[in-house]
């Protein structure tokens, strides 16, 4: 039996959510190929949630842009 890997995601706006969603899909595929499980949670939007992320806060409620 493999490990349970946990990932915290912070995607405060739409483009970050798109990237996070894609990255989480690939991370899950890699984890499963190695007989591991993946739990991912954090701040994100629709694409992160579609990838299975447990959304603690929606980026619809709080947009963050950094420089």
C-alpha atoms as a PDB file:
ATOM      1  CA  UNK A   1       0.000   0.000   0.000  1.00  0.00           C
ATOM      2  CA  UNK A   2       1.236   3.466  -0.909  1.00  0.00           C
ATOM      3  CA  UNK A   3       1.316   6.763   0.879  1.00  0.00           C
ATOM      4  CA  UNK A   4      -1.375   9.404   1.261  1.00  0.00           C
ATOM      5  CA  UNK A   5       0.042  12.608  -0.218  1.00  0.00           C
ATOM      6  CA  UNK A   6      -1.534  15.930   0.765  1.00  0.00           C
ATOM      7  CA  UNK A   7      -1.294  19.091  -1.339  1.00  0.00           C
ATOM      8  CA  UNK A   8      -2.408  22.579  -0.316  1.00  0.00           C
ATOM      9  CA  UNK A   9      -3.380  24.775  -3.278  1.00  0.00           C
ATOM     10  CA  UNK A  10      -3.832  28.549  -3.264  1.00  0.00           C
ATOM     11  CA  UNK A  11      -5.234  29.787  -6.576  1.00  0.00           C
ATOM     12  CA  UNK A  12      -6.608  33.247  -5.885  1.00  0.00           C
ATOM     13  CA  UNK A  13      -7.776  34.092  -9.400  1.00  0.00           C
ATOM     14  CA  UNK A  14      -9.014  32.461 -12.603  1.00  0.00           C
ATOM     15  CA  UNK A  15      -5.712  31.817 -14.402  1.00  0.00           C
ATOM     16  CA  UNK A  16      -4.213  30.254 -11.280  1.00  0.00           C
ATOM     17  CA  UNK A  17      -7.291  28.075 -10.930  1.00  0.00           C
ATOM     18  CA  UNK A  18      -6.880  26.838 -14.533  1.00  0.00           C
ATOM     19  CA  UNK A  19      -3.226  25.973 -13.934  1.00  0.00           C
ATOM     20  CA  UNK A  20      -3.962  24.360 -10.566  1.00  0.00           C
ATOM     21  CA  UNK A  21      -6.761  22.256 -12.051  1.00  0.00           C
ATOM     22  CA  UNK A  22      -4.473  20.879 -14.749  1.00  0.00           C
ATOM     23  CA  UNK A  23      -1.603  20.296 -12.321  1.00  0.00           C
ATOM     24  CA  UNK A  24      -3.858  18.450  -9.869  1.00  0.00           C
ATOM     25  CA  UNK A  25      -5.163  16.129 -12.579  1.00  0.00           C
ATOM     26  CA  UNK A  26      -1.602  15.187 -13.532  1.00  0.00           C
ATOM     27  CA  UNK A  27      -0.486  14.895  -9.897  1.00  0.00           C
ATOM     28  CA  UNK A  28      -3.354  12.497  -9.226  1.00  0.00           C
ATOM     29  CA  UNK A  29      -2.420  10.369 -12.260  1.00  0.00           C
ATOM     30  CA  UNK A  30       1.201  10.179 -11.094  1.00  0.00           C
ATOM     31  CA  UNK A  31       0.212   9.353  -7.507  1.00  0.00           C
ATOM     32  CA  UNK A  32      -2.150   6.590  -8.610  1.00  0.00           C
ATOM     33  CA  UNK A  33       0.480   5.114 -10.960  1.00  0.00           C
ATOM     34  CA  UNK A  34       2.754   4.769  -7.920  1.00  0.00           C
ATOM     35  CA  UNK A  35      -0.037   3.240  -5.784  1.00  0.00           C
ATOM     36  CA  UNK A  36      -0.401   6.399  -3.680  1.00  0.00           C
ATOM     37  CA  UNK A  37      -3.482   8.440  -2.872  1.00  0.00           C
ATOM     38  CA  UNK A  38      -3.705  12.205  -3.214  1.00  0.00           C
ATOM     39  CA  UNK A  39      -5.706  14.623  -1.081  1.00  0.00           C
ATOM     40  CA  UNK A  40      -5.758  18.180  -2.366  1.00  0.00           C
ATOM     41  CA  UNK A  41      -7.498  21.105  -0.776  1.00  0.00           C
ATOM     42  CA  UNK A  42      -7.240  24.874  -0.540  1.00  0.00           C
ATOM     43  CA  UNK A  43      -8.470  28.051  -2.210  1.00  0.00           C
ATOM     44  CA  UNK A  44      -9.599  27.777  -5.805  1.00  0.00           C
ATOM     45  CA  UNK A  45     -12.422  27.850  -8.260  1.00  0.00           C
ATOM     46  CA  UNK A  46     -14.363  25.653 -10.618  1.00  0.00           C
ATOM     47  CA  UNK A  47     -11.416  23.999 -12.363  1.00  0.00           C
ATOM     48  CA  UNK A  48      -9.698  23.065  -9.113  1.00  0.00           C
ATOM     49  CA  UNK A  49     -12.940  21.656  -7.790  1.00  0.00           C
ATOM     50  CA  UNK A  50     -13.510  19.740 -11.031  1.00  0.00           C
ATOM     51  CA  UNK A  51     -10.083  18.160 -10.496  1.00  0.00           C
ATOM     52  CA  UNK A  52     -11.253  16.947  -7.078  1.00  0.00           C
ATOM     53  CA  UNK A  53      -9.884  19.699  -4.853  1.00  0.00           C
ATOM     54  CA  UNK A  54     -11.682  20.143  -1.541  1.00  0.00           C
ATOM     55  CA  UNK A  55     -12.331  23.867  -1.686  1.00  0.00           C
ATOM     56  CA  UNK A  56     -11.948  25.599   1.691  1.00  0.00           C
ATOM     57  CA  UNK A  57     -12.707  28.983   0.118  1.00  0.00           C
ATOM     58  CA  UNK A  58     -13.904  29.786  -3.359  1.00  0.00           C
ATOM     59  CA  UNK A  59     -11.927  32.325  -5.344  1.00  0.00           C
ATOM     60  CA  UNK A  60     -15.332  33.726  -6.306  1.00  0.00           C
ATOM     61  CA  UNK A  61     -15.411  35.068  -2.737  1.00  0.00           C
ATOM     62  CA  UNK A  62     -11.847  36.362  -2.536  1.00  0.00           C
ATOM     63  CA  UNK A  63      -9.744  37.361  -5.532  1.00  0.00           C
ATOM     64  CA  UNK A  64      -6.031  37.816  -4.914  1.00  0.00           C
ATOM     65  CA  UNK A  65      -3.554  39.171  -7.434  1.00  0.00           C
ATOM     66  CA  UNK A  66       0.152  39.251  -6.629  1.00  0.00           C
ATOM     67  CA  UNK A  67       3.102  40.879  -8.308  1.00  0.00           C
END
